[in-house]
Amino acid sequence: GVGLALAIVMIALFTPWTGEGAKEITNDVMRWLHVFFGILWIGLLYYLNFVQVPTMPKITAELKKGVTGFIAPNVFFFFRWAALLTVVTGLIIAFHAGYAVQALTFAGTGQVMLIGIGMWLALIMAFNVWFIIWPAQQKIITAVKEGTAPDAALVAFAGVRSRHNVYMSAPLLWTMINQHTTTVPLQVF
């Protein structure tokens, strides 16, 4: 709550520089939310792939049950909703600014094409989260809570799809950062 209040104060203080109209303020708020949810999503993606998953084979069965039964459900709650809200706020920004269709169809300037690539990467990653990784994790969490070993093939499959998201996150982040500064049209093969 305190962070939200401070962000609102910052938005109000800097509107003379960023724009005082409803459209400019909406853009500021949506961009802030987009970055906030994006950090949460990618941060949890990296936590899962670089911390939790590699650590699990090194801990006792009792601790695994605690991590999988209590920590993982909360992580996956924030992980999947951050993914959805990152995509939704990004689409709102793109439609509000009038470049969504051009970006999604790769028509327009280099900047628009570059953000279009980022948008498609985010859509694919969010699809992975909601329709592949999360359903697999639900089965894994349920098995552990019931005291049975999760299906090893399912664990491996969920891990591979999660690593795919890690791989896609690097170019995604690059497109988000550089679409604002790219001045030369993107050259496509």
C-alpha atoms as a PDB file:
ATOM      1  CA  GLY A   1       0.000   0.000   0.000  1.00  0.00           C
ATOM      2  CA  VAL A   2       2.800   2.407   0.889  1.00  0.00           C
ATOM      3  CA  GLY A   3       4.570   1.737  -2.412  1.00  0.00           C
ATOM      4  CA  LEU A   4       1.336   2.309  -4.329  1.00  0.00           C
ATOM      5  CA  ALA A   5       0.739   5.594  -2.505  1.00  0.00           C
ATOM      6  CA  LEU A   6       4.302   6.728  -3.221  1.00  0.00           C
ATOM      7  CA  ALA A   7       3.919   5.833  -6.900  1.00  0.00           C
ATOM      8  CA  ILE A   8       0.690   7.865  -7.123  1.00  0.00           C
ATOM      9  CA  VAL A   9       2.447  10.822  -5.483  1.00  0.00           C
ATOM     10  CA  MET A  10       5.304  10.530  -8.011  1.00  0.00           C
ATOM     11  CA  ILE A  11       2.860  10.395 -10.921  1.00  0.00           C
ATOM     12  CA  ALA A  12       1.082  13.487  -9.583  1.00  0.00           C
ATOM     13  CA  LEU A  13       4.332  15.383  -8.979  1.00  0.00           C
ATOM     14  CA  PHE A  14       5.742  14.698 -12.423  1.00  0.00           C
ATOM     15  CA  THR A  15       2.643  15.227 -14.567  1.00  0.00           C
ATOM     16  CA  PRO A  16       3.902  18.672 -15.615  1.00  0.00           C
ATOM     17  CA  TRP A  17       6.776  16.865 -17.409  1.00  0.00           C
ATOM     18  CA  THR A  18       4.977  13.733 -18.559  1.00  0.00           C
ATOM     19  CA  GLY A  19       1.630  15.302 -19.467  1.00  0.00           C
ATOM     20  CA  GLU A  20      -1.368  16.462 -17.497  1.00  0.00           C
ATOM     21  CA  GLY A  21      -4.205  15.191 -19.653  1.00  0.00           C
ATOM     22  CA  ALA A  22      -6.200  12.039 -18.986  1.00  0.00           C
ATOM     23  CA  LYS A  23      -4.484  10.194 -21.851  1.00  0.00           C
ATOM     24  CA  GLU A  24      -0.986  11.037 -20.607  1.00  0.00           C
ATOM     25  CA  ILE A  25      -1.801  10.120 -17.001  1.00  0.00           C
ATOM     26  CA  THR A  26      -3.404   6.855 -18.162  1.00  0.00           C
ATOM     27  CA  ASN A  27      -0.268   6.099 -20.185  1.00  0.00           C
ATOM     28  CA  ASP A  28       1.925   6.789 -17.149  1.00  0.00           C
ATOM     29  CA  VAL A  29      -0.151   4.552 -14.880  1.00  0.00           C
ATOM     30  CA  MET A  30      -0.397   1.734 -17.425  1.00  0.00           C
ATOM     31  CA  ARG A  31       3.338   1.800 -18.161  1.00  0.00           C
ATOM     32  CA  TRP A  32       4.094   1.748 -14.445  1.00  0.00           C
ATOM     33  CA  LEU A  33       1.726  -1.200 -13.888  1.00  0.00           C
ATOM     34  CA  HIS A  34       3.150  -2.974 -16.947  1.00  0.00           C
ATOM     35  CA  VAL A  35       6.703  -2.675 -15.626  1.00  0.00           C
ATOM     36  CA  PHE A  36       5.619  -3.620 -12.072  1.00  0.00           C
ATOM     37  CA  PHE A  37       3.823  -6.782 -13.165  1.00  0.00           C
ATOM     38  CA  GLY A  38       6.600  -7.600 -15.651  1.00  0.00           C
ATOM     39  CA  ILE A  39       9.228  -7.426 -12.903  1.00  0.00           C
ATOM     40  CA  LEU A  40       7.090  -9.646 -10.683  1.00  0.00           C
ATOM     41  CA  TRP A  41       6.526 -12.170 -13.488  1.00  0.00           C
ATOM     42  CA  ILE A  42      10.109 -12.393 -14.730  1.00  0.00           C
ATOM     43  CA  GLY A  43      11.476 -12.215 -11.186  1.00  0.00           C
ATOM     44  CA  LEU A  44       9.422 -15.257 -10.194  1.00  0.00           C
ATOM     45  CA  LEU A  45      10.381 -17.016 -13.437  1.00  0.00           C
ATOM     46  CA  TYR A  46      14.046 -16.532 -12.547  1.00  0.00           C
ATOM     47  CA  TYR A  47      13.455 -17.505  -8.898  1.00  0.00           C
ATOM     48  CA  LEU A  48      11.835 -20.764  -9.982  1.00  0.00           C
ATOM     49  CA  ASN A  49      14.470 -21.631 -12.595  1.00  0.00           C
ATOM     50  CA  PHE A  50      17.625 -20.382 -10.890  1.00  0.00           C
ATOM     51  CA  VAL A  51      16.823 -20.950  -7.192  1.00  0.00           C
ATOM     52  CA  GLN A  52      13.911 -23.241  -6.323  1.00  0.00           C
ATOM     53  CA  VAL A  53      14.155 -25.940  -8.994  1.00  0.00           C
ATOM     54  CA  PRO A  54      17.959 -26.428  -8.790  1.00  0.00           C
ATOM     55  CA  THR A  55      17.780 -26.515  -4.981  1.00  0.00           C
ATOM     56  CA  MET A  56      14.994 -29.113  -4.690  1.00  0.00           C
ATOM     57  CA  PRO A  57      17.188 -32.209  -5.334  1.00  0.00           C
ATOM     58  CA  LYS A  58      19.489 -31.112  -2.500  1.00  0.00           C
ATOM     59  CA  ILE A  59      16.865 -30.937   0.252  1.00  0.00           C
ATOM     60  CA  THR A  60      15.180 -33.602   2.354  1.00  0.00           C
ATOM     61  CA  ALA A  61      11.820 -35.120   1.464  1.00  0.00           C
ATOM     62  CA  GLU A  62      10.173 -33.359   4.419  1.00  0.00           C
ATOM     63  CA  LEU A  63      11.444 -29.964   3.290  1.00  0.00           C
ATOM     64  CA  LYS A  64      10.405 -30.700  -0.304  1.00  0.00           C
ATOM     65  CA  LYS A  65       6.885 -31.316   0.934  1.00  0.00           C
ATOM     66  CA  GLY A  66       6.885 -27.910   2.630  1.00  0.00           C
ATOM     67  CA  VAL A  67       8.237 -26.101  -0.414  1.00  0.00           C
ATOM     68  CA  THR A  68       5.922 -27.844  -2.869  1.00  0.00           C
ATOM     69  CA  GLY A  69       2.906 -27.825  -0.548  1.00  0.00           C
ATOM     70  CA  PHE A  70       3.121 -24.290   0.809  1.00  0.00           C
ATOM     71  CA  ILE A  71       5.609 -22.074  -1.010  1.00  0.00           C
ATOM     72  CA  ALA A  72       5.066 -23.244  -4.594  1.00  0.00           C
ATOM     73  CA  PRO A  73       1.283 -22.638  -4.649  1.00  0.00           C
ATOM     74  CA  ASN A  74       1.833 -19.020  -3.566  1.00  0.00           C
ATOM     75  CA  VAL A  75       4.679 -18.543  -6.037  1.00  0.00           C
ATOM     76  CA  PHE A  76       2.557 -19.932  -8.868  1.00  0.00           C
ATOM     77  CA  PHE A  77      -0.409 -17.760  -7.874  1.00  0.00           C
ATOM     78  CA  PHE A  78       1.636 -14.573  -8.243  1.00  0.00           C
ATOM     79  CA  PHE A  79       3.561 -15.994 -11.217  1.00  0.00           C
ATOM     80  CA  ARG A  80       0.531 -16.695 -13.359  1.00  0.00           C
ATOM     81  CA  TRP A  81      -1.418 -13.541 -12.436  1.00  0.00           C
ATOM     82  CA  ALA A  82       1.656 -11.356 -12.979  1.00  0.00           C
ATOM     83  CA  ALA A  83       2.018 -12.944 -16.420  1.00  0.00           C
ATOM     84  CA  LEU A  84      -1.592 -12.186 -17.291  1.00  0.00           C
ATOM     85  CA  LEU A  85      -1.501  -8.640 -15.939  1.00  0.00           C
ATOM     86  CA  THR A  86       1.780  -7.903 -17.721  1.00  0.00           C
ATOM     87  CA  VAL A  87       0.210  -8.942 -21.024  1.00  0.00           C
ATOM     88  CA  VAL A  88      -3.066  -7.120 -20.369  1.00  0.00           C
ATOM     89  CA  THR A  89      -1.404  -3.851 -19.364  1.00  0.00           C
ATOM     90  CA  GLY A  90       0.951  -4.107 -22.348  1.00  0.00           C
ATOM     91  CA  LEU A  91      -1.983  -4.583 -24.716  1.00  0.00           C
ATOM     92  CA  ILE A  92      -3.823  -1.663 -23.104  1.00  0.00           C
ATOM     93  CA  ILE A  93      -0.762   0.530 -23.653  1.00  0.00           C
ATOM     94  CA  ALA A  94      -0.440  -0.578 -27.284  1.00  0.00           C
ATOM     95  CA  PHE A  95      -4.131  -0.119 -28.113  1.00  0.00           C
ATOM     96  CA  HIS A  96      -4.326   3.180 -26.208  1.00  0.00           C
ATOM     97  CA  ALA A  97      -1.315   4.499 -28.124  1.00  0.00           C
ATOM     98  CA  GLY A  98      -2.709   3.214 -31.442  1.00  0.00           C
ATOM     99  CA  TYR A  99       0.075   0.833 -32.485  1.00  0.00           C
ATOM    100  CA  ALA A 100      -1.247  -2.545 -31.290  1.00  0.00           C
ATOM    101  CA  VAL A 101      -2.466  -3.848 -34.642  1.00  0.00           C
ATOM    102  CA  GLN A 102       0.677  -2.690 -36.443  1.00  0.00           C
ATOM    103  CA  ALA A 103       2.884  -4.267 -33.773  1.00  0.00           C
ATOM    104  CA  LEU A 104       1.028  -7.578 -33.691  1.00  0.00           C
ATOM    105  CA  THR A 105       1.087  -7.833 -37.492  1.00  0.00           C
ATOM    106  CA  PHE A 106       4.691  -6.550 -37.839  1.00  0.00           C
ATOM    107  CA  ALA A 107       3.617  -3.601 -39.981  1.00  0.00           C
ATOM    108  CA  GLY A 108       5.115  -0.192 -39.431  1.00  0.00           C
ATOM    109  CA  THR A 109       8.383   1.278 -38.259  1.00  0.00           C
ATOM    110  CA  GLY A 110      11.320  -0.548 -36.740  1.00  0.00           C
ATOM    111  CA  GLN A 111      10.213   0.450 -33.243  1.00  0.00           C
ATOM    112  CA  VAL A 112       6.714  -0.897 -33.811  1.00  0.00           C
ATOM    113  CA  MET A 113       8.023  -4.133 -35.316  1.00  0.00           C
ATOM    114  CA  LEU A 114      10.467  -4.541 -32.432  1.00  0.00           C
ATOM    115  CA  ILE A 115       7.772  -4.135 -29.787  1.00  0.00           C
ATOM    116  CA  GLY A 116       5.591  -6.498 -31.858  1.00  0.00           C
ATOM    117  CA  ILE A 117       8.251  -9.187 -31.472  1.00  0.00           C
ATOM    118  CA  GLY A 118       8.253  -8.505 -27.728  1.00  0.00           C
ATOM    119  CA  MET A 119       4.462  -8.680 -27.614  1.00  0.00           C
ATOM    120  CA  TRP A 120       4.431 -12.065 -29.374  1.00  0.00           C
ATOM    121  CA  LEU A 121       7.149 -13.405 -27.063  1.00  0.00           C
ATOM    122  CA  ALA A 122       5.096 -12.267 -24.052  1.00  0.00           C
ATOM    123  CA  LEU A 123       1.924 -13.842 -25.454  1.00  0.00           C
ATOM    124  CA  ILE A 124       3.702 -17.161 -26.045  1.00  0.00           C
ATOM    125  CA  MET A 125       5.263 -17.054 -22.586  1.00  0.00           C
ATOM    126  CA  ALA A 126       1.943 -16.227 -20.902  1.00  0.00           C
ATOM    127  CA  PHE A 127       0.280 -19.056 -22.836  1.00  0.00           C
ATOM    128  CA  ASN A 128       2.999 -21.397 -21.509  1.00  0.00           C
ATOM    129  CA  VAL A 129       2.367 -20.194 -17.969  1.00  0.00           C
ATOM    130  CA  TRP A 130      -1.414 -20.552 -17.995  1.00  0.00           C
ATOM    131  CA  PHE A 131      -1.997 -23.555 -20.241  1.00  0.00           C
ATOM    132  CA  ILE A 132       1.116 -25.710 -19.923  1.00  0.00           C
ATOM    133  CA  ILE A 133       3.242 -24.902 -16.863  1.00  0.00           C
ATOM    134  CA  TRP A 134       0.435 -24.171 -14.375  1.00  0.00           C
ATOM    135  CA  PRO A 135      -1.702 -27.268 -15.192  1.00  0.00           C
ATOM    136  CA  ALA A 136       1.414 -29.463 -14.879  1.00  0.00           C
ATOM    137  CA  GLN A 137       2.378 -27.799 -11.603  1.00  0.00           C
ATOM    138  CA  GLN A 138      -1.133 -28.329 -10.222  1.00  0.00           C
ATOM    139  CA  LYS A 139      -0.713 -32.079 -10.749  1.00  0.00           C
ATOM    140  CA  ILE A 140       2.776 -32.032  -9.242  1.00  0.00           C
ATOM    141  CA  ILE A 141       1.618 -30.047  -6.192  1.00  0.00           C
ATOM    142  CA  THR A 142      -1.389 -32.336  -5.705  1.00  0.00           C
ATOM    143  CA  ALA A 143       0.785 -35.465  -5.853  1.00  0.00           C
ATOM    144  CA  VAL A 144       3.221 -34.106  -3.280  1.00  0.00           C
ATOM    145  CA  LYS A 145       0.403 -32.994  -0.965  1.00  0.00           C
ATOM    146  CA  GLU A 146      -1.079 -36.504  -1.207  1.00  0.00           C
ATOM    147  CA  GLY A 147       2.287 -38.012  -0.324  1.00  0.00           C
ATOM    148  CA  THR A 148       2.947 -39.614  -3.705  1.00  0.00           C
ATOM    149  CA  ALA A 149       5.815 -39.000  -6.075  1.00  0.00           C
ATOM    150  CA  PRO A 150       4.842 -36.753  -8.974  1.00  0.00           C
ATOM    151  CA  ASP A 151       5.100 -38.164 -12.472  1.00  0.00           C
ATOM    152  CA  ALA A 152       8.766 -37.715 -13.449  1.00  0.00           C
ATOM    153  CA  ALA A 153       7.890 -37.114 -17.101  1.00  0.00           C
ATOM    154  CA  LEU A 154       5.440 -34.373 -16.094  1.00  0.00           C
ATOM    155  CA  VAL A 155       8.058 -32.733 -13.850  1.00  0.00           C
ATOM    156  CA  ALA A 156      10.576 -32.811 -16.703  1.00  0.00           C
ATOM    157  CA  PHE A 157       8.030 -31.448 -19.188  1.00  0.00           C
ATOM    158  CA  ALA A 158       7.043 -28.559 -16.895  1.00  0.00           C
ATOM    159  CA  GLY A 159      10.720 -27.799 -16.345  1.00  0.00           C
ATOM    160  CA  VAL A 160      11.474 -27.705 -20.060  1.00  0.00           C
ATOM    161  CA  ARG A 161       8.555 -25.366 -20.775  1.00  0.00           C
ATOM    162  CA  SER A 162       9.625 -23.122 -17.919  1.00  0.00           C
ATOM    163  CA  ARG A 163      13.177 -23.006 -19.318  1.00  0.00           C
ATOM    164  CA  HIS A 164      11.689 -22.079 -22.700  1.00  0.00           C
ATOM    165  CA  ASN A 165      10.206 -19.030 -20.972  1.00  0.00           C
ATOM    166  CA  VAL A 166      13.626 -18.204 -19.481  1.00  0.00           C
ATOM    167  CA  TYR A 167      15.148 -18.370 -22.967  1.00  0.00           C
ATOM    168  CA  MET A 168      12.426 -16.131 -24.420  1.00  0.00           C
ATOM    169  CA  SER A 169      12.688 -13.643 -21.545  1.00  0.00           C
ATOM    170  CA  ALA A 170      16.107 -12.349 -22.632  1.00  0.00           C
ATOM    171  CA  PRO A 171      15.039 -11.173 -26.107  1.00  0.00           C
ATOM    172  CA  LEU A 172      11.699 -10.043 -24.669  1.00  0.00           C
ATOM    173  CA  LEU A 173      13.424  -7.748 -22.192  1.00  0.00           C
ATOM    174  CA  TRP A 174      15.707  -6.476 -24.936  1.00  0.00           C
ATOM    175  CA  THR A 175      12.738  -5.552 -27.133  1.00  0.00           C
ATOM    176  CA  MET A 176      11.063  -3.724 -24.249  1.00  0.00           C
ATOM    177  CA  ILE A 177      14.136  -1.657 -23.493  1.00  0.00           C
ATOM    178  CA  ASN A 178      15.273  -0.937 -27.031  1.00  0.00           C
ATOM    179  CA  GLN A 179      12.022  -0.236 -28.826  1.00  0.00           C
ATOM    180  CA  HIS A 180      12.078   3.256 -27.278  1.00  0.00           C
ATOM    181  CA  THR A 181      15.567   4.040 -28.532  1.00  0.00           C
ATOM    182  CA  THR A 182      15.724   2.290 -31.902  1.00  0.00           C
ATOM    183  CA  THR A 183      15.713   4.873 -34.679  1.00  0.00           C
ATOM    184  CA  VAL A 184      16.714   2.693 -37.616  1.00  0.00           C
ATOM    185  CA  PRO A 185      13.980   0.496 -39.119  1.00  0.00           C
ATOM    186  CA  LEU A 186      14.426  -3.140 -38.174  1.00  0.00           C
ATOM    187  CA  GLN A 187      15.846  -5.156 -41.051  1.00  0.00           C
ATOM    188  CA  VAL A 188      13.974  -8.395 -41.526  1.00  0.00           C
ATOM    189  CA  PHE A 189      15.643 -11.196 -43.532  1.00  0.00           C
END
